[in-house]
């Protein structure tokens, strides 16, 4: 017989508050077209993107996270001191160590909260949400803060016609806390590492550091390019359209929710065509509100779902208590889907 006492956590967990931060600078497609041979019509038809936000020097990963998190904590109606854990999903914090989550936890005024970063690309918010739910139910934290944050403009090759127009910057955050009824459903998540090459960083940091020009990509002026995110667009599109709709359906089934019972659909904001294809495959009714935040925000990877959630609630397109299906998918390839009650 085990001598370990059972955990004394909450019976269930739910999202209690949400917050977002979008950088001040709005970048229209015309700026992107200065470096690539394309057109505004082509970018809109291929991705749905009209504008995106790019961070300035002061809008660091930490600064954007703190802004978004502060709003989420206020929305949840708790104090920062009550946060027991801070989980930050990002691929654009360039210091290998320490985790940026520790700085964020300190500057927010938490009481020495557990803090760590995760790297799960565009599925990172779903991964973080699942971890936070476990903490609340296990009792290792009464409230947990989940942040998705990216400065993807730092990892964008502006001369790469296939990706230059895709990425934006921003931060989204949610507070997860105790609930008497389920507010976060079972997570359907996984990885397909055999497809890892379809979305990747062009050059590993160690090769860039060595600086062997013969092994590094050069820009049009002959200068060594900073590492950037690249992808095989068609392969990623096919995978997202055909495989992620299945994962989304599995998440609905796991939560015992039918499409008719759904109020909101918040997929990762990767591409409007992917979103529209998933809506069609899932046969979502017309009453379901679908997030298409990508049009003015771009692809912000781990930040895209909480940013889209925050905007839908702020505009009144979604309301507190709505049942929402969220799904993230991207580099790895990784994915995570679950059904949540909106705060």
Protein backbone atom coordinates (compact mmCIF):
# COMPACT_ATOMS: atom_id res chain seq x y z
CA UNK A 1 0.00 0.00 0.00
CA UNK A 2 1.36 3.40 -0.96
CA UNK A 3 2.34 5.77 1.84
CA UNK A 4 1.87 8.81 -0.41
CA UNK A 5 -1.11 10.98 0.43
CA UNK A 6 -3.57 11.61 -2.43
CA UNK A 7 -3.61 15.01 -4.10
CA UNK A 8 -6.13 17.56 -2.86
CA UNK A 9 -6.84 19.63 -5.92
CA UNK A 10 -10.03 21.05 -7.38
CA UNK A 11 -12.60 18.68 -8.88
CA UNK A 12 -12.29 20.44 -12.24
CA UNK A 13 -10.58 23.38 -13.94
CA UNK A 14 -11.65 26.14 -16.31
CA UNK A 15 -10.38 29.30 -17.96
CA UNK A 16 -11.20 32.23 -15.67
CA UNK A 17 -9.73 35.15 -17.61
CA UNK A 18 -8.10 36.03 -20.92
CA UNK A 19 -5.88 38.87 -22.10
CA UNK A 20 -4.02 39.83 -25.25
CA UNK A 21 -1.39 42.23 -26.53
CA UNK A 22 -0.81 43.23 -30.13
CA UNK A 23 2.21 45.40 -30.99
CA UNK A 24 1.56 49.02 -31.94
CA UNK A 25 2.95 48.77 -35.46
CA UNK A 26 0.48 47.52 -38.07
CA UNK A 27 2.16 46.16 -41.20
CA UNK A 28 0.06 45.98 -44.40
CA UNK A 29 0.83 43.62 -47.26
CA UNK A 30 2.35 46.49 -49.21
CA UNK A 31 5.36 46.47 -46.87
CA UNK A 32 5.89 42.75 -47.46
CA UNK A 33 5.72 43.28 -51.22
CA UNK A 34 8.81 45.51 -51.09
CA UNK A 35 10.98 42.37 -50.82
CA UNK A 36 9.06 39.67 -52.70
CA UNK A 37 7.56 39.32 -56.18
CA UNK A 38 3.90 38.94 -55.34
CA UNK A 39 0.69 40.98 -54.96
CA UNK A 40 -1.76 41.99 -52.27
CA UNK A 41 -4.45 39.96 -54.04
CA UNK A 42 -2.24 36.84 -54.07
CA UNK A 43 -1.43 37.12 -50.34
CA UNK A 44 -5.09 37.63 -49.41
CA UNK A 45 -6.29 34.76 -51.60
CA UNK A 46 -3.60 32.36 -50.36
CA UNK A 47 -3.76 33.16 -46.65
CA UNK A 48 -6.51 35.65 -45.90
CA UNK A 49 -3.95 38.01 -44.34
CA UNK A 50 -4.43 41.74 -44.86
CA UNK A 51 -2.23 43.13 -42.08
CA UNK A 52 -0.11 41.88 -39.20
CA UNK A 53 1.55 43.44 -36.13
CA UNK A 54 5.33 43.65 -35.72
CA UNK A 55 7.00 44.43 -32.42
CA UNK A 56 9.39 47.31 -31.82
CA UNK A 57 12.50 47.14 -29.65
CA UNK A 58 10.55 47.77 -26.45
CA UNK A 59 7.90 45.15 -27.23
CA UNK A 60 10.00 42.19 -26.15
CA UNK A 61 8.74 38.68 -25.53
CA UNK A 62 8.68 39.44 -21.80
CA UNK A 63 7.06 42.87 -22.16
CA UNK A 64 4.25 41.60 -24.41
CA UNK A 65 3.67 38.63 -22.12
CA UNK A 66 3.41 40.84 -19.04
CA UNK A 67 0.86 43.09 -20.76
CA UNK A 68 -1.32 40.17 -21.87
CA UNK A 69 -0.97 38.35 -18.55
CA UNK A 70 -1.87 41.44 -16.54
CA UNK A 71 -5.13 41.72 -18.48
CA UNK A 72 -5.88 38.01 -18.01
CA UNK A 73 -5.27 38.21 -14.25
CA UNK A 74 -7.53 41.26 -13.95
CA UNK A 75 -10.18 39.55 -16.07
CA UNK A 76 -10.05 36.52 -13.75
CA UNK A 77 -10.54 38.76 -10.73
CA UNK A 78 -7.58 37.43 -8.78
CA UNK A 79 -4.26 38.83 -7.58
CA UNK A 80 -0.90 37.98 -9.14
CA UNK A 81 0.20 36.56 -5.78
CA UNK A 82 -2.36 33.78 -6.20
CA UNK A 83 -0.72 32.47 -9.39
CA UNK A 84 1.08 29.24 -8.55
CA UNK A 85 2.54 28.45 -11.96
CA UNK A 86 3.47 30.31 -15.13
CA UNK A 87 3.74 28.36 -18.39
CA UNK A 88 5.06 30.22 -21.44
CA UNK A 89 4.91 28.76 -24.92
CA UNK A 90 7.28 30.43 -27.37
CA UNK A 91 9.86 29.69 -30.05
CA UNK A 92 11.14 33.26 -30.29
CA UNK A 93 12.83 33.78 -26.90
CA UNK A 94 16.44 33.61 -28.02
CA UNK A 95 18.19 32.94 -24.70
CA UNK A 96 18.56 29.20 -24.26
CA UNK A 97 18.47 29.67 -20.50
CA UNK A 98 16.99 30.82 -18.19
CA UNK A 99 13.37 30.42 -19.24
CA UNK A 100 11.64 33.72 -19.91
CA UNK A 101 8.75 32.49 -17.73
CA UNK A 102 10.79 33.13 -14.58
CA UNK A 103 11.29 36.81 -15.45
CA UNK A 104 7.60 37.15 -16.29
CA UNK A 105 6.52 35.51 -13.04
CA UNK A 106 8.73 37.86 -11.06
CA UNK A 107 7.71 41.06 -12.82
CA UNK A 108 4.02 40.19 -12.53
CA UNK A 109 4.42 39.99 -8.76
CA UNK A 110 3.69 36.30 -8.24
CA UNK A 111 4.82 34.70 -4.99
CA UNK A 112 7.73 32.67 -6.39
CA UNK A 113 5.44 30.79 -8.79
CA UNK A 114 6.76 27.75 -10.62
CA UNK A 115 7.74 28.99 -14.06
CA UNK A 116 8.94 27.32 -17.25
CA UNK A 117 8.91 27.60 -21.04
CA UNK A 118 7.66 25.02 -23.52
CA UNK A 119 8.41 24.71 -27.23
CA UNK A 120 5.46 23.23 -29.08
CA UNK A 121 5.09 25.72 -31.90
CA UNK A 122 1.55 26.59 -32.91
CA UNK A 123 0.14 23.87 -30.62
CA UNK A 124 1.91 25.39 -27.62
CA UNK A 125 -1.15 27.06 -26.12
CA UNK A 126 -3.05 23.75 -26.09
CA UNK A 127 -0.08 22.00 -24.50
CA UNK A 128 0.18 24.70 -21.83
CA UNK A 129 -3.55 24.64 -21.16
CA UNK A 130 -3.43 20.88 -20.63
CA UNK A 131 -0.53 21.20 -18.19
CA UNK A 132 -2.31 23.96 -16.30
CA UNK A 133 -5.49 21.91 -16.01
CA UNK A 134 -3.47 19.06 -14.52
CA UNK A 135 -1.91 21.39 -11.95
CA UNK A 136 -5.29 22.66 -10.78
CA UNK A 137 -6.85 19.21 -10.47
CA UNK A 138 -3.69 17.76 -8.90
CA UNK A 139 -3.46 20.60 -6.40
CA UNK A 140 0.06 21.76 -7.25
CA UNK A 141 -1.35 25.23 -8.04
CA UNK A 142 -4.63 26.94 -7.24
CA UNK A 143 -4.31 29.20 -10.30
CA UNK A 144 -2.03 28.81 -13.31
CA UNK A 145 -1.13 31.32 -16.00
CA UNK A 146 -0.69 30.11 -19.58
CA UNK A 147 0.94 32.47 -22.06
CA UNK A 148 1.47 32.08 -25.79
CA UNK A 149 3.89 34.72 -27.10
CA UNK A 150 5.89 35.23 -30.27
CA UNK A 151 8.08 37.77 -32.05
CA UNK A 152 8.06 35.87 -35.32
CA UNK A 153 9.14 38.97 -37.21
CA UNK A 154 12.59 38.14 -35.80
CA UNK A 155 12.43 34.73 -37.50
CA UNK A 156 10.97 35.81 -40.83
CA UNK A 157 12.96 35.77 -44.05
CA UNK A 158 11.49 38.76 -45.87
CA UNK A 159 12.89 37.46 -49.17
CA UNK A 160 11.17 34.08 -48.87
CA UNK A 161 8.08 34.41 -51.05
CA UNK A 162 6.38 31.42 -49.40
CA UNK A 163 6.58 32.66 -45.79
CA UNK A 164 7.42 36.39 -45.73
CA UNK A 165 3.76 37.42 -45.51
CA UNK A 166 2.65 34.88 -42.91
CA UNK A 167 4.00 35.81 -39.51
CA UNK A 168 3.08 38.36 -36.90
CA UNK A 169 3.92 39.20 -33.28
CA UNK A 170 1.85 39.27 -30.13
CA UNK A 171 0.97 37.65 -26.83
CA UNK A 172 -2.15 35.99 -25.46
CA UNK A 173 -2.71 34.71 -21.93
CA UNK A 174 -5.29 32.89 -19.86
CA UNK A 175 -5.70 32.20 -16.16
CA UNK A 176 -6.77 28.65 -15.35
CA UNK A 177 -8.35 27.96 -11.98
CA UNK A 178 -10.65 25.67 -9.98
CA UNK A 179 -14.20 24.84 -11.03
CA UNK A 180 -17.03 22.68 -9.75
CA UNK A 181 -17.94 21.57 -13.28
CA UNK A 182 -15.71 20.62 -16.23
CA UNK A 183 -14.54 23.75 -18.06
CA UNK A 184 -11.69 22.18 -20.02
CA UNK A 185 -12.36 18.92 -21.79
CA UNK A 186 -10.00 16.01 -22.46
CA UNK A 187 -7.10 16.97 -24.71
CA UNK A 188 -6.45 15.10 -27.93
CA UNK A 189 -2.80 15.73 -28.67
CA UNK A 190 0.17 14.14 -30.33
CA UNK A 191 3.08 14.46 -32.72
CA UNK A 192 4.18 13.24 -36.13
CA UNK A 193 7.95 13.59 -36.02
CA UNK A 194 8.38 11.94 -39.40
CA UNK A 195 7.06 15.23 -40.83
CA UNK A 196 9.39 17.47 -38.80
CA UNK A 197 11.16 18.77 -41.90
CA UNK A 198 8.00 20.41 -43.25
CA UNK A 199 8.26 23.30 -40.75
CA UNK A 200 11.67 24.12 -39.36
CA UNK A 201 14.33 26.72 -38.64
CA UNK A 202 16.52 27.24 -41.68
CA UNK A 203 19.83 27.08 -39.79
CA UNK A 204 20.58 25.71 -36.29
CA UNK A 205 21.96 28.30 -33.86
CA UNK A 206 25.30 26.51 -33.57
CA UNK A 207 25.93 26.64 -37.34
CA UNK A 208 24.98 30.31 -37.44
CA UNK A 209 27.37 30.95 -34.56
CA UNK A 210 30.24 29.20 -36.37
CA UNK A 211 29.63 31.51 -39.31
CA UNK A 212 30.85 29.22 -42.08
CA UNK A 213 29.42 31.16 -45.04
CA UNK A 214 29.65 28.12 -47.29
CA UNK A 215 27.01 26.40 -45.11
CA UNK A 216 24.71 29.37 -44.55
CA UNK A 217 22.01 30.99 -46.72
CA UNK A 218 22.75 34.46 -48.10
CA UNK A 219 20.41 37.35 -48.85
CA UNK A 220 20.22 39.22 -52.16
CA UNK A 221 23.11 41.46 -51.06
CA UNK A 222 25.37 38.52 -50.25
CA UNK A 223 25.06 38.83 -46.47
CA UNK A 224 24.52 35.84 -44.21
CA UNK A 225 20.85 35.47 -43.36
CA UNK A 226 19.70 35.23 -39.75
CA UNK A 227 17.96 31.89 -39.01
CA UNK A 228 14.31 31.96 -40.09
CA UNK A 229 11.26 29.73 -40.13
CA UNK A 230 10.63 27.90 -43.38
CA UNK A 231 7.96 25.45 -44.41
CA UNK A 232 6.78 23.20 -47.21
CA UNK A 233 3.50 25.01 -47.74
CA UNK A 234 1.56 22.43 -49.71
CA UNK A 235 2.55 19.54 -47.44
CA UNK A 236 1.57 21.49 -44.34
CA UNK A 237 -1.70 22.58 -45.93
CA UNK A 238 -2.70 19.02 -46.85
CA UNK A 239 -1.79 17.71 -43.39
CA UNK A 240 -3.71 20.46 -41.61
CA UNK A 241 -6.81 20.16 -43.77
CA UNK A 242 -7.12 16.37 -43.79
CA UNK A 243 -5.63 15.31 -40.46
CA UNK A 244 -6.51 18.14 -38.09
CA UNK A 245 -10.23 17.97 -38.85
CA UNK A 246 -10.06 14.38 -37.57
CA UNK A 247 -8.30 15.52 -34.39
CA UNK A 248 -10.87 18.27 -33.89
CA UNK A 249 -13.68 15.73 -34.21
CA UNK A 250 -11.93 13.46 -31.71
CA UNK A 251 -11.79 16.35 -29.23
CA UNK A 252 -15.52 16.95 -29.67
CA UNK A 253 -16.22 13.26 -29.14
CA UNK A 254 -13.97 13.11 -26.06
CA UNK A 255 -15.87 16.03 -24.53
CA UNK A 256 -19.25 14.55 -25.46
CA UNK A 257 -20.10 17.61 -27.54
CA UNK A 258 -21.86 17.50 -30.91
CA UNK A 259 -21.29 20.18 -33.58
CA UNK A 260 -24.83 21.44 -32.91
CA UNK A 261 -23.94 22.06 -29.25
CA UNK A 262 -20.85 24.09 -30.13
CA UNK A 263 -20.95 27.88 -29.94
CA UNK A 264 -17.46 28.88 -31.06
CA UNK A 265 -14.60 27.41 -33.10
CA UNK A 266 -11.12 28.83 -32.44
CA UNK A 267 -8.51 27.08 -34.59
CA UNK A 268 -4.88 28.10 -34.82
CA UNK A 269 -4.74 31.11 -37.13
CA UNK A 270 -2.49 29.65 -39.82
CA UNK A 271 -4.45 30.19 -43.00
CA UNK A 272 -8.07 31.17 -43.75
CA UNK A 273 -8.33 28.41 -46.36
CA UNK A 274 -7.36 25.82 -43.74
CA UNK A 275 -9.91 27.25 -41.31
CA UNK A 276 -12.68 27.24 -43.92
CA UNK A 277 -11.84 23.67 -44.96
CA UNK A 278 -11.99 22.46 -41.36
CA UNK A 279 -15.36 24.16 -40.84
CA UNK A 280 -16.69 22.36 -43.93
CA UNK A 281 -15.24 18.96 -42.99
CA UNK A 282 -16.57 19.19 -39.42
CA UNK A 283 -19.96 20.27 -40.81
CA UNK A 284 -20.24 23.06 -38.27
CA UNK A 285 -23.67 24.72 -38.19
CA UNK A 286 -24.01 28.35 -39.29
CA UNK A 287 -24.64 29.49 -35.72
CA UNK A 288 -21.08 28.54 -34.71
CA UNK A 289 -18.84 31.62 -34.51
CA UNK A 290 -15.53 30.97 -36.26
CA UNK A 291 -12.37 32.90 -35.38
CA UNK A 292 -10.64 34.44 -38.38
CA UNK A 293 -8.32 36.75 -36.50
CA UNK A 294 -5.54 35.93 -38.96
CA UNK A 295 -6.84 38.61 -41.34
CA UNK A 296 -5.44 41.44 -39.22
CA UNK A 297 -3.03 39.59 -36.91
CA UNK A 298 -1.23 37.10 -39.13
CA UNK A 299 0.11 33.80 -37.87
CA UNK A 300 1.36 34.36 -34.31
CA UNK A 301 1.98 30.67 -33.58
CA UNK A 302 1.43 29.92 -29.86
CA UNK A 303 -0.26 33.30 -29.33
CA UNK A 304 -2.88 32.88 -32.04
CA UNK A 305 -5.58 30.99 -30.12
CA UNK A 306 -5.65 33.16 -26.97
CA UNK A 307 -5.43 36.33 -29.09
CA UNK A 308 -8.37 35.17 -31.21
CA UNK A 309 -10.30 34.19 -28.08
CA UNK A 310 -9.70 37.58 -26.50
CA UNK A 311 -10.86 39.43 -29.62
CA UNK A 312 -14.05 37.38 -30.02
CA UNK A 313 -15.02 38.13 -26.41
CA UNK A 314 -14.06 41.80 -26.69
CA UNK A 315 -16.15 42.32 -29.84
CA UNK A 316 -19.13 40.40 -28.50
CA UNK A 317 -18.93 37.76 -31.24
CA UNK A 318 -18.55 35.25 -28.41
CA UNK A 319 -19.73 35.50 -24.84
CA UNK A 320 -18.82 34.19 -21.42
CA UNK A 321 -20.04 30.64 -20.91
CA UNK A 322 -19.95 29.73 -24.60
CA UNK A 323 -18.66 26.28 -25.49
CA UNK A 324 -15.64 26.52 -27.78
CA UNK A 325 -13.52 24.02 -29.67
CA UNK A 326 -9.85 25.05 -29.82
CA UNK A 327 -7.16 23.34 -31.86
CA UNK A 328 -3.51 24.20 -32.47
CA UNK A 329 -1.16 22.53 -34.95
CA UNK A 330 2.28 23.23 -36.34
CA UNK A 331 6.03 22.63 -36.19
CA UNK A 332 7.01 19.22 -34.95
CA UNK A 333 4.58 18.34 -36.36
CA UNK A 334 2.48 18.63 -33.20
CA UNK A 335 -1.16 19.23 -32.40
CA UNK A 336 -3.54 19.69 -29.47
CA UNK A 337 -7.32 20.08 -29.40
CA UNK A 338 -9.85 20.42 -26.61
CA UNK A 339 -13.28 21.85 -25.82
CA UNK A 340 -13.43 24.71 -23.30
CA UNK A 341 -15.97 26.97 -21.65
CA UNK A 342 -15.10 30.58 -22.44
CA UNK A 343 -14.38 32.86 -19.46
